[in-house]
Amino acid sequence: MKIRPSESRPSESRLNNRQQRSRRDGYILLETTVALVLLSLGSYAIHGAIRQALIMRGQAQDYTQVRFLLERIAAEVELQPMVQPESQSGRFSGEFSRFSWSYTLRRVDVPKPKTPPFPPQGWVEPEDFEYEVEYLGGITATVTWQRAGQPYSESLETLFNPFRLWQPPEEEEYQW
């Protein structure tokens, strides 16, 4: 039996159709895989951006609350009629219980100005000038807290009237 060329063509065309269909199916699978990878990367990036925005919002809220807490500590000290140099620490109560505080009251010496190299006319030498006060009262308040496992700290320093800072009298040395 002789095979005619016209009979062999349909079987070859069927093979070619199957190969083309399988190639097309493989290409669709590849397209789908690439699309899913890109979609996953985009979702991951959006998730990271939202997470970072929430953390930043929380930090901004913390810093705002801490600013008011620092001013509260300084105001409580400044409202006392007389204070003495000391250090104290503690923890806030209520909704601010995750914040801890500390403050230090101290004497801050006021430096005398230096004489300029070419003093102007009528300059009073620092040795000849009498200062009303030689020191000021100083307060350093610090609030510490944690957010997302990270420790944070914020401080406030201010000066106040030296007449409100009680200084213990200097002990006089007696000579026998």
N, C-alpha and C. Protein backbone atom coordinates (compact mmCIF):
# COMPACT_ATOMS: atom_id res chain seq x y z
N MET A 1 0.82 -1.16 0.00
CA MET A 1 0.00 0.00 0.00
C MET A 1 0.88 1.23 0.00
N LYS A 2 0.48 2.06 -0.80
CA LYS A 2 1.22 3.30 -0.98
C LYS A 2 0.54 4.44 -0.20
N ILE A 3 1.36 5.21 0.45
CA ILE A 3 0.80 6.35 1.18
C ILE A 3 0.84 7.55 0.27
N ARG A 4 -0.29 8.11 0.23
CA ARG A 4 -0.38 9.30 -0.61
C ARG A 4 0.02 10.53 0.21
N PRO A 5 0.61 11.42 -0.46
CA PRO A 5 1.03 12.62 0.26
C PRO A 5 -0.16 13.37 0.85
N SER A 6 -1.28 13.32 0.24
CA SER A 6 -2.44 14.05 0.75
C SER A 6 -2.97 13.41 2.02
N GLU A 7 -2.75 12.10 2.23
CA GLU A 7 -3.23 11.43 3.43
C GLU A 7 -2.32 11.72 4.64
N SER A 8 -1.05 11.92 4.39
CA SER A 8 -0.14 12.15 5.50
C SER A 8 -0.28 13.57 6.08
N ARG A 9 -0.75 14.45 5.33
CA ARG A 9 -0.86 15.84 5.80
C ARG A 9 -1.87 16.02 6.93
N PRO A 10 -3.02 15.38 6.91
CA PRO A 10 -3.94 15.62 8.01
C PRO A 10 -3.38 15.19 9.36
N SER A 11 -2.67 14.09 9.40
CA SER A 11 -2.12 13.66 10.67
C SER A 11 -1.02 14.63 11.15
N GLU A 12 -0.22 15.14 10.25
CA GLU A 12 0.81 16.13 10.62
C GLU A 12 0.15 17.42 11.09
N SER A 13 -0.91 17.81 10.47
CA SER A 13 -1.58 19.04 10.86
C SER A 13 -2.22 18.88 12.24
N ARG A 14 -2.71 17.65 12.54
CA ARG A 14 -3.25 17.41 13.87
C ARG A 14 -2.14 17.52 14.92
N LEU A 15 -0.96 16.98 14.62
CA LEU A 15 0.17 17.08 15.55
C LEU A 15 0.57 18.54 15.75
N ASN A 16 0.63 19.27 14.69
CA ASN A 16 1.01 20.69 14.79
C ASN A 16 -0.02 21.46 15.61
N ASN A 17 -1.29 21.17 15.45
CA ASN A 17 -2.33 21.84 16.23
C ASN A 17 -2.18 21.53 17.72
N ARG A 18 -1.90 20.26 18.03
CA ARG A 18 -1.70 19.88 19.43
C ARG A 18 -0.48 20.58 20.02
N GLN A 19 0.61 20.64 19.27
CA GLN A 19 1.83 21.30 19.75
C GLN A 19 1.57 22.80 19.98
N GLN A 20 0.84 23.38 19.03
CA GLN A 20 0.55 24.81 19.17
C GLN A 20 -0.34 25.07 20.39
N ARG A 21 -1.33 24.18 20.59
CA ARG A 21 -2.24 24.34 21.72
C ARG A 21 -1.47 24.16 23.03
N SER A 22 -0.57 23.17 23.12
CA SER A 22 0.20 22.95 24.34
C SER A 22 1.16 24.11 24.58
N ARG A 23 1.73 24.67 23.54
CA ARG A 23 2.59 25.85 23.70
C ARG A 23 1.78 27.04 24.20
N ARG A 24 0.60 27.18 23.65
CA ARG A 24 -0.27 28.29 24.04
C ARG A 24 -0.69 28.12 25.50
N ASP A 25 -1.03 26.88 25.92
CA ASP A 25 -1.39 26.61 27.29
C ASP A 25 -0.21 26.88 28.23
N GLY A 26 0.97 26.52 27.85
CA GLY A 26 2.18 26.78 28.64
C GLY A 26 2.44 28.27 28.77
N TYR A 27 2.20 29.01 27.71
CA TYR A 27 2.39 30.45 27.72
C TYR A 27 1.37 31.11 28.66
N ILE A 28 0.14 30.65 28.68
CA ILE A 28 -0.88 31.18 29.58
C ILE A 28 -0.50 30.89 31.02
N LEU A 29 0.03 29.71 31.31
CA LEU A 29 0.47 29.36 32.66
C LEU A 29 1.61 30.29 33.10
N LEU A 30 2.54 30.56 32.20
CA LEU A 30 3.65 31.46 32.50
C LEU A 30 3.14 32.87 32.76
N GLU A 31 2.22 33.36 31.94
CA GLU A 31 1.65 34.69 32.14
C GLU A 31 0.96 34.79 33.49
N THR A 32 0.20 33.77 33.84
CA THR A 32 -0.51 33.76 35.11
C THR A 32 0.46 33.77 36.28
N THR A 33 1.51 33.00 36.20
CA THR A 33 2.52 32.95 37.28
C THR A 33 3.19 34.30 37.45
N VAL A 34 3.59 34.94 36.35
CA VAL A 34 4.23 36.26 36.41
C VAL A 34 3.26 37.28 37.00
N ALA A 35 1.99 37.23 36.57
CA ALA A 35 0.99 38.17 37.09
C ALA A 35 0.79 37.99 38.59
N LEU A 36 0.75 36.75 39.08
CA LEU A 36 0.60 36.51 40.51
C LEU A 36 1.81 36.98 41.30
N VAL A 37 3.00 36.79 40.75
CA VAL A 37 4.22 37.27 41.42
C VAL A 37 4.18 38.79 41.53
N LEU A 38 3.82 39.48 40.44
CA LEU A 38 3.75 40.94 40.47
C LEU A 38 2.66 41.42 41.44
N LEU A 39 1.53 40.75 41.45
CA LEU A 39 0.46 41.10 42.37
C LEU A 39 0.89 40.90 43.82
N SER A 40 1.60 39.82 44.08
CA SER A 40 2.10 39.55 45.44
C SER A 40 3.10 40.62 45.88
N LEU A 41 4.02 41.00 44.99
CA LEU A 41 4.99 42.04 45.33
C LEU A 41 4.30 43.37 45.59
N GLY A 42 3.31 43.70 44.80
CA GLY A 42 2.56 44.94 45.00
C GLY A 42 1.81 44.92 46.33
N SER A 43 1.20 43.80 46.66
CA SER A 43 0.48 43.66 47.93
C SER A 43 1.44 43.79 49.11
N TYR A 44 2.61 43.19 48.99
CA TYR A 44 3.62 43.27 50.04
C TYR A 44 4.06 44.73 50.24
N ALA A 45 4.28 45.44 49.15
CA ALA A 45 4.70 46.84 49.25
C ALA A 45 3.60 47.70 49.89
N ILE A 46 2.37 47.48 49.51
CA ILE A 46 1.26 48.25 50.09
C ILE A 46 1.12 47.93 51.58
N HIS A 47 1.26 46.67 51.93
CA HIS A 47 1.19 46.28 53.34
C HIS A 47 2.29 46.96 54.14
N GLY A 48 3.50 46.98 53.61
CA GLY A 48 4.61 47.64 54.30
C GLY A 48 4.38 49.14 54.47
N ALA A 49 3.81 49.78 53.45
CA ALA A 49 3.55 51.22 53.53
C ALA A 49 2.48 51.52 54.58
N ILE A 50 1.44 50.70 54.63
CA ILE A 50 0.38 50.91 55.62
C ILE A 50 0.92 50.67 57.03
N ARG A 51 1.74 49.63 57.18
CA ARG A 51 2.34 49.34 58.48
C ARG A 51 3.21 50.50 58.95
N GLN A 52 4.04 51.02 58.06
CA GLN A 52 4.92 52.14 58.40
C GLN A 52 4.09 53.38 58.76
N ALA A 53 3.01 53.63 58.04
CA ALA A 53 2.16 54.78 58.33
C ALA A 53 1.53 54.65 59.71
N LEU A 54 1.11 53.44 60.09
CA LEU A 54 0.52 53.24 61.41
C LEU A 54 1.56 53.44 62.51
N ILE A 55 2.77 52.97 62.30
CA ILE A 55 3.84 53.16 63.29
C ILE A 55 4.16 54.65 63.44
N MET A 56 4.27 55.36 62.33
CA MET A 56 4.57 56.79 62.38
C MET A 56 3.45 57.57 63.07
N ARG A 57 2.21 57.18 62.83
CA ARG A 57 1.07 57.83 63.48
C ARG A 57 1.16 57.61 64.99
N GLY A 58 1.48 56.40 65.41
CA GLY A 58 1.63 56.11 66.84
C GLY A 58 2.76 56.90 67.47
N GLN A 59 3.89 57.01 66.75
CA GLN A 59 5.02 57.77 67.28
C GLN A 59 4.67 59.25 67.40
N ALA A 60 3.98 59.78 66.42
CA ALA A 60 3.57 61.20 66.48
C ALA A 60 2.64 61.43 67.67
N GLN A 61 1.73 60.50 67.91
CA GLN A 61 0.82 60.61 69.05
C GLN A 61 1.61 60.53 70.36
N ASP A 62 2.58 59.62 70.42
CA ASP A 62 3.41 59.50 71.62
C ASP A 62 4.18 60.79 71.90
N TYR A 63 4.83 61.35 70.89
CA TYR A 63 5.61 62.57 71.08
C TYR A 63 4.72 63.74 71.51
N THR A 64 3.50 63.79 71.00
CA THR A 64 2.57 64.85 71.42
C THR A 64 2.20 64.67 72.88
N GLN A 65 1.88 63.45 73.29
CA GLN A 65 1.54 63.20 74.69
C GLN A 65 2.74 63.46 75.60
N VAL A 66 3.92 63.05 75.17
CA VAL A 66 5.13 63.24 75.98
C VAL A 66 5.41 64.72 76.19
N ARG A 67 5.18 65.53 75.18
CA ARG A 67 5.41 66.97 75.32
C ARG A 67 4.54 67.55 76.44
N PHE A 68 3.27 67.15 76.46
CA PHE A 68 2.38 67.61 77.52
C PHE A 68 2.78 67.05 78.88
N LEU A 69 3.23 65.81 78.93
CA LEU A 69 3.68 65.22 80.19
C LEU A 69 4.92 65.93 80.73
N LEU A 70 5.85 66.28 79.85
CA LEU A 70 7.04 67.01 80.27
C LEU A 70 6.67 68.38 80.84
N GLU A 71 5.75 69.06 80.17
CA GLU A 71 5.32 70.37 80.66
C GLU A 71 4.59 70.23 82.00
N ARG A 72 3.88 69.14 82.17
CA ARG A 72 3.18 68.87 83.44
C ARG A 72 4.18 68.69 84.57
N ILE A 73 5.26 67.94 84.34
CA ILE A 73 6.29 67.74 85.36
C ILE A 73 6.93 69.08 85.72
N ALA A 74 7.31 69.86 84.71
CA ALA A 74 7.94 71.15 84.96
C ALA A 74 6.99 72.09 85.70
N ALA A 75 5.71 72.09 85.35
CA ALA A 75 4.74 72.96 86.01
C ALA A 75 4.55 72.57 87.47
N GLU A 76 4.50 71.27 87.74
CA GLU A 76 4.34 70.83 89.14
C GLU A 76 5.52 71.28 89.99
N VAL A 77 6.71 71.25 89.45
CA VAL A 77 7.89 71.70 90.20
C VAL A 77 7.87 73.22 90.34
N GLU A 78 7.54 73.92 89.27
CA GLU A 78 7.56 75.38 89.31
C GLU A 78 6.46 75.96 90.19
N LEU A 79 5.39 75.21 90.42
CA LEU A 79 4.31 75.71 91.27
C LEU A 79 4.63 75.61 92.76
N GLN A 80 5.66 74.88 93.10
CA GLN A 80 6.05 74.77 94.50
C GLN A 80 6.72 76.08 94.92
N PRO A 81 6.41 76.58 96.12
CA PRO A 81 6.99 77.87 96.52
C PRO A 81 8.51 77.82 96.73
N MET A 82 9.01 76.67 97.19
CA MET A 82 10.45 76.54 97.42
C MET A 82 10.84 75.09 97.10
N VAL A 83 11.92 74.93 96.38
CA VAL A 83 12.39 73.58 96.05
C VAL A 83 13.86 73.48 96.41
N GLN A 84 14.33 72.26 96.58
CA GLN A 84 15.74 72.05 96.86
C GLN A 84 16.31 71.11 95.81
N PRO A 85 17.61 71.17 95.58
CA PRO A 85 18.21 70.28 94.58
C PRO A 85 17.93 68.81 94.92
N GLU A 86 17.37 68.08 93.97
CA GLU A 86 17.04 66.67 94.19
C GLU A 86 16.78 65.99 92.85
N SER A 87 16.66 64.70 92.91
CA SER A 87 16.28 63.89 91.74
C SER A 87 15.16 62.96 92.16
N GLN A 88 14.15 62.83 91.30
CA GLN A 88 13.04 61.92 91.56
C GLN A 88 12.66 61.22 90.27
N SER A 89 12.02 60.07 90.41
CA SER A 89 11.54 59.34 89.24
C SER A 89 10.30 58.55 89.62
N GLY A 90 9.57 58.13 88.59
CA GLY A 90 8.34 57.38 88.83
C GLY A 90 7.67 57.00 87.52
N ARG A 91 6.42 56.57 87.64
CA ARG A 91 5.64 56.15 86.49
C ARG A 91 4.31 56.89 86.55
N PHE A 92 3.83 57.33 85.40
CA PHE A 92 2.54 57.98 85.35
C PHE A 92 1.45 56.94 85.57
N SER A 93 0.28 57.38 85.99
CA SER A 93 -0.82 56.44 86.22
C SER A 93 -1.91 56.65 85.17
N GLY A 94 -2.86 55.74 85.15
CA GLY A 94 -4.00 55.86 84.25
C GLY A 94 -3.63 55.51 82.82
N GLU A 95 -4.13 56.30 81.89
CA GLU A 95 -3.89 56.00 80.48
C GLU A 95 -2.44 56.22 80.05
N PHE A 96 -1.66 56.89 80.90
CA PHE A 96 -0.25 57.14 80.57
C PHE A 96 0.68 56.20 81.33
N SER A 97 0.19 55.05 81.75
CA SER A 97 0.98 54.16 82.61
C SER A 97 2.18 53.55 81.90
N ARG A 98 2.24 53.61 80.59
CA ARG A 98 3.42 53.06 79.89
C ARG A 98 4.56 54.07 79.81
N PHE A 99 4.33 55.29 80.31
CA PHE A 99 5.35 56.33 80.33
C PHE A 99 5.95 56.43 81.73
N SER A 100 7.27 56.48 81.81
CA SER A 100 7.92 56.72 83.09
C SER A 100 8.64 58.06 83.03
N TRP A 101 8.86 58.69 84.18
CA TRP A 101 9.44 60.02 84.23
C TRP A 101 10.56 60.08 85.25
N SER A 102 11.37 61.10 85.08
CA SER A 102 12.40 61.43 86.08
C SER A 102 12.72 62.91 85.92
N TYR A 103 13.10 63.54 87.01
CA TYR A 103 13.55 64.92 86.92
C TYR A 103 14.67 65.17 87.91
N THR A 104 15.46 66.18 87.59
CA THR A 104 16.57 66.59 88.44
C THR A 104 16.51 68.10 88.61
N LEU A 105 16.51 68.55 89.85
CA LEU A 105 16.59 69.98 90.16
C LEU A 105 18.03 70.26 90.57
N ARG A 106 18.58 71.34 90.05
CA ARG A 106 19.97 71.62 90.36
C ARG A 106 20.24 73.12 90.31
N ARG A 107 21.37 73.47 90.83
CA ARG A 107 21.86 74.84 90.77
C ARG A 107 22.67 75.00 89.49
N VAL A 108 22.39 76.07 88.76
CA VAL A 108 23.12 76.36 87.52
C VAL A 108 23.86 77.68 87.73
N ASP A 109 25.18 77.62 87.77
CA ASP A 109 25.97 78.84 87.97
C ASP A 109 25.93 79.71 86.72
N VAL A 110 25.82 81.02 86.95
CA VAL A 110 25.80 81.98 85.84
C VAL A 110 27.23 82.46 85.63
N PRO A 111 27.79 82.22 84.45
CA PRO A 111 29.18 82.64 84.22
C PRO A 111 29.28 84.16 84.07
N LYS A 112 30.40 84.68 84.52
CA LYS A 112 30.64 86.11 84.34
C LYS A 112 31.16 86.34 82.93
N PRO A 113 30.75 87.43 82.31
CA PRO A 113 31.19 87.67 80.93
C PRO A 113 32.68 87.96 80.86
N LYS A 114 33.26 87.58 79.76
CA LYS A 114 34.69 87.85 79.54
C LYS A 114 34.85 89.26 78.99
N THR A 115 35.98 89.84 79.30
CA THR A 115 36.27 91.17 78.77
C THR A 115 36.64 91.04 77.30
N PRO A 116 35.99 91.84 76.43
CA PRO A 116 36.35 91.76 75.02
C PRO A 116 37.77 92.30 74.80
N PRO A 117 38.41 91.89 73.70
CA PRO A 117 39.80 92.34 73.47
C PRO A 117 39.91 93.86 73.36
N PHE A 118 38.92 94.50 72.76
CA PHE A 118 38.92 95.96 72.64
C PHE A 118 37.62 96.47 73.24
N PRO A 119 37.59 96.71 74.56
CA PRO A 119 36.34 97.10 75.21
C PRO A 119 35.84 98.46 74.71
N PRO A 120 34.52 98.59 74.58
CA PRO A 120 33.97 99.88 74.14
C PRO A 120 34.08 100.93 75.25
N GLN A 121 33.85 102.18 74.87
CA GLN A 121 33.92 103.29 75.82
C GLN A 121 32.90 103.07 76.94
N GLY A 122 33.27 103.23 78.17
CA GLY A 122 32.36 103.10 79.30
C GLY A 122 32.14 101.66 79.74
N TRP A 123 32.99 100.77 79.30
CA TRP A 123 32.87 99.35 79.66
C TRP A 123 33.17 99.16 81.14
N VAL A 124 32.32 98.39 81.80
CA VAL A 124 32.52 98.08 83.22
C VAL A 124 33.14 96.71 83.29
N GLU A 125 34.28 96.61 83.94
CA GLU A 125 34.97 95.34 84.07
C GLU A 125 34.10 94.36 84.85
N PRO A 126 34.10 93.06 84.47
CA PRO A 126 33.29 92.07 85.19
C PRO A 126 33.61 91.98 86.68
N GLU A 127 34.86 92.25 87.05
CA GLU A 127 35.21 92.18 88.46
C GLU A 127 34.56 93.33 89.24
N ASP A 128 34.33 94.46 88.57
CA ASP A 128 33.75 95.63 89.23
C ASP A 128 32.23 95.60 89.23
N PHE A 129 31.64 94.74 88.44
CA PHE A 129 30.18 94.68 88.29
C PHE A 129 29.59 93.72 89.32
N GLU A 130 28.54 94.17 90.00
CA GLU A 130 27.91 93.31 90.99
C GLU A 130 26.69 92.63 90.37
N TYR A 131 26.66 91.32 90.45
CA TYR A 131 25.53 90.54 89.94
C TYR A 131 24.51 90.38 91.06
N GLU A 132 23.23 90.45 90.69
CA GLU A 132 22.19 90.21 91.69
C GLU A 132 22.17 88.75 92.09
N VAL A 133 22.39 87.88 91.12
CA VAL A 133 22.39 86.44 91.41
C VAL A 133 23.62 85.82 90.77
N GLU A 134 24.13 84.81 91.41
CA GLU A 134 25.27 84.09 90.86
C GLU A 134 24.85 82.76 90.27
N TYR A 135 23.60 82.40 90.46
CA TYR A 135 23.11 81.12 89.95
C TYR A 135 21.62 81.21 89.65
N LEU A 136 21.11 80.22 88.93
CA LEU A 136 19.69 80.04 88.64
C LEU A 136 19.31 78.63 89.02
N GLY A 137 18.03 78.39 89.13
CA GLY A 137 17.56 77.03 89.36
C GLY A 137 17.34 76.37 88.01
N GLY A 138 17.68 75.11 87.90
CA GLY A 138 17.50 74.39 86.64
C GLY A 138 16.76 73.09 86.85
N ILE A 139 15.91 72.73 85.91
CA ILE A 139 15.21 71.46 85.98
C ILE A 139 15.42 70.73 84.65
N THR A 140 15.74 69.45 84.76
CA THR A 140 15.83 68.58 83.59
C THR A 140 14.84 67.44 83.81
N ALA A 141 13.81 67.39 82.95
CA ALA A 141 12.79 66.35 83.06
C ALA A 141 12.91 65.42 81.86
N THR A 142 12.76 64.13 82.10
CA THR A 142 12.87 63.12 81.03
C THR A 142 11.70 62.16 81.14
N VAL A 143 11.10 61.85 79.99
CA VAL A 143 10.04 60.84 79.91
C VAL A 143 10.53 59.74 78.97
N THR A 144 10.41 58.48 79.40
CA THR A 144 10.81 57.35 78.57
C THR A 144 9.61 56.43 78.37
N TRP A 145 9.58 55.73 77.22
CA TRP A 145 8.50 54.80 76.90
C TRP A 145 8.97 53.85 75.82
N GLN A 146 8.13 52.88 75.51
CA GLN A 146 8.43 51.92 74.44
C GLN A 146 7.26 51.85 73.47
N ARG A 147 7.59 51.68 72.20
CA ARG A 147 6.58 51.45 71.16
C ARG A 147 7.18 50.43 70.21
N ALA A 148 6.44 49.37 69.97
CA ALA A 148 6.85 48.29 69.06
C ALA A 148 8.22 47.74 69.45
N GLY A 149 8.47 47.65 70.76
CA GLY A 149 9.72 47.08 71.24
C GLY A 149 10.91 48.02 71.19
N GLN A 150 10.72 49.24 70.69
CA GLN A 150 11.80 50.21 70.59
C GLN A 150 11.70 51.20 71.75
N PRO A 151 12.79 51.44 72.48
CA PRO A 151 12.74 52.44 73.56
C PRO A 151 12.87 53.86 72.99
N TYR A 152 12.11 54.76 73.59
CA TYR A 152 12.15 56.17 73.20
C TYR A 152 12.32 57.02 74.45
N SER A 153 12.87 58.21 74.29
CA SER A 153 13.10 59.11 75.41
C SER A 153 13.05 60.54 74.91
N GLU A 154 12.48 61.41 75.71
CA GLU A 154 12.42 62.84 75.36
C GLU A 154 12.69 63.63 76.63
N SER A 155 13.44 64.73 76.51
CA SER A 155 13.82 65.52 77.68
C SER A 155 13.45 66.98 77.50
N LEU A 156 13.36 67.67 78.62
CA LEU A 156 13.05 69.09 78.65
C LEU A 156 13.96 69.72 79.70
N GLU A 157 14.58 70.84 79.35
CA GLU A 157 15.40 71.57 80.31
C GLU A 157 14.92 73.01 80.35
N THR A 158 14.81 73.54 81.54
CA THR A 158 14.41 74.94 81.70
C THR A 158 15.04 75.51 82.96
N LEU A 159 15.07 76.82 83.05
CA LEU A 159 15.62 77.53 84.20
C LEU A 159 14.49 78.23 84.95
N PHE A 160 14.68 78.44 86.24
CA PHE A 160 13.67 79.18 87.01
C PHE A 160 14.36 80.08 88.02
N ASN A 161 13.55 80.91 88.67
CA ASN A 161 14.01 81.93 89.59
C ASN A 161 14.91 81.33 90.68
N PRO A 162 16.09 81.89 90.88
CA PRO A 162 17.03 81.31 91.87
C PRO A 162 16.54 81.45 93.31
N PHE A 163 15.63 82.40 93.59
CA PHE A 163 15.17 82.61 94.95
C PHE A 163 14.21 81.50 95.40
N ARG A 164 13.76 80.68 94.47
CA ARG A 164 12.89 79.56 94.81
C ARG A 164 13.68 78.28 95.04
N LEU A 165 14.97 78.30 94.75
CA LEU A 165 15.82 77.13 94.95
C LEU A 165 16.50 77.25 96.30
N TRP A 166 16.08 76.41 97.22
CA TRP A 166 16.64 76.46 98.56
C TRP A 166 18.02 75.84 98.56
N GLN A 167 18.97 76.59 99.04
CA GLN A 167 20.34 76.11 99.16
C GLN A 167 20.64 75.93 100.64
N PRO A 168 21.09 74.76 101.03
CA PRO A 168 21.43 74.59 102.45
C PRO A 168 22.56 75.54 102.82
N PRO A 169 22.51 76.06 104.03
CA PRO A 169 23.57 77.00 104.42
C PRO A 169 24.93 76.30 104.45
N GLU A 170 25.91 77.05 104.07
CA GLU A 170 27.28 76.51 104.07
C GLU A 170 27.73 76.36 105.51
N GLU A 171 28.32 75.24 105.78
CA GLU A 171 28.81 75.00 107.13
C GLU A 171 30.07 75.80 107.37
N GLU A 172 30.03 76.49 108.45
CA GLU A 172 31.21 77.30 108.80
C GLU A 172 32.20 76.42 109.57
N GLU A 173 33.43 76.64 109.27
CA GLU A 173 34.45 75.87 109.97
C GLU A 173 34.85 76.64 111.23
N TYR A 174 34.77 75.95 112.31
CA TYR A 174 35.14 76.56 113.59
C TYR A 174 36.58 76.21 113.90
N GLN A 175 37.28 77.20 114.34
CA GLN A 175 38.67 76.95 114.75
C GLN A 175 38.72 76.94 116.27
N TRP A 176 39.28 75.95 116.80
CA TRP A 176 39.39 75.81 118.25
C TRP A 176 40.66 76.36 118.76
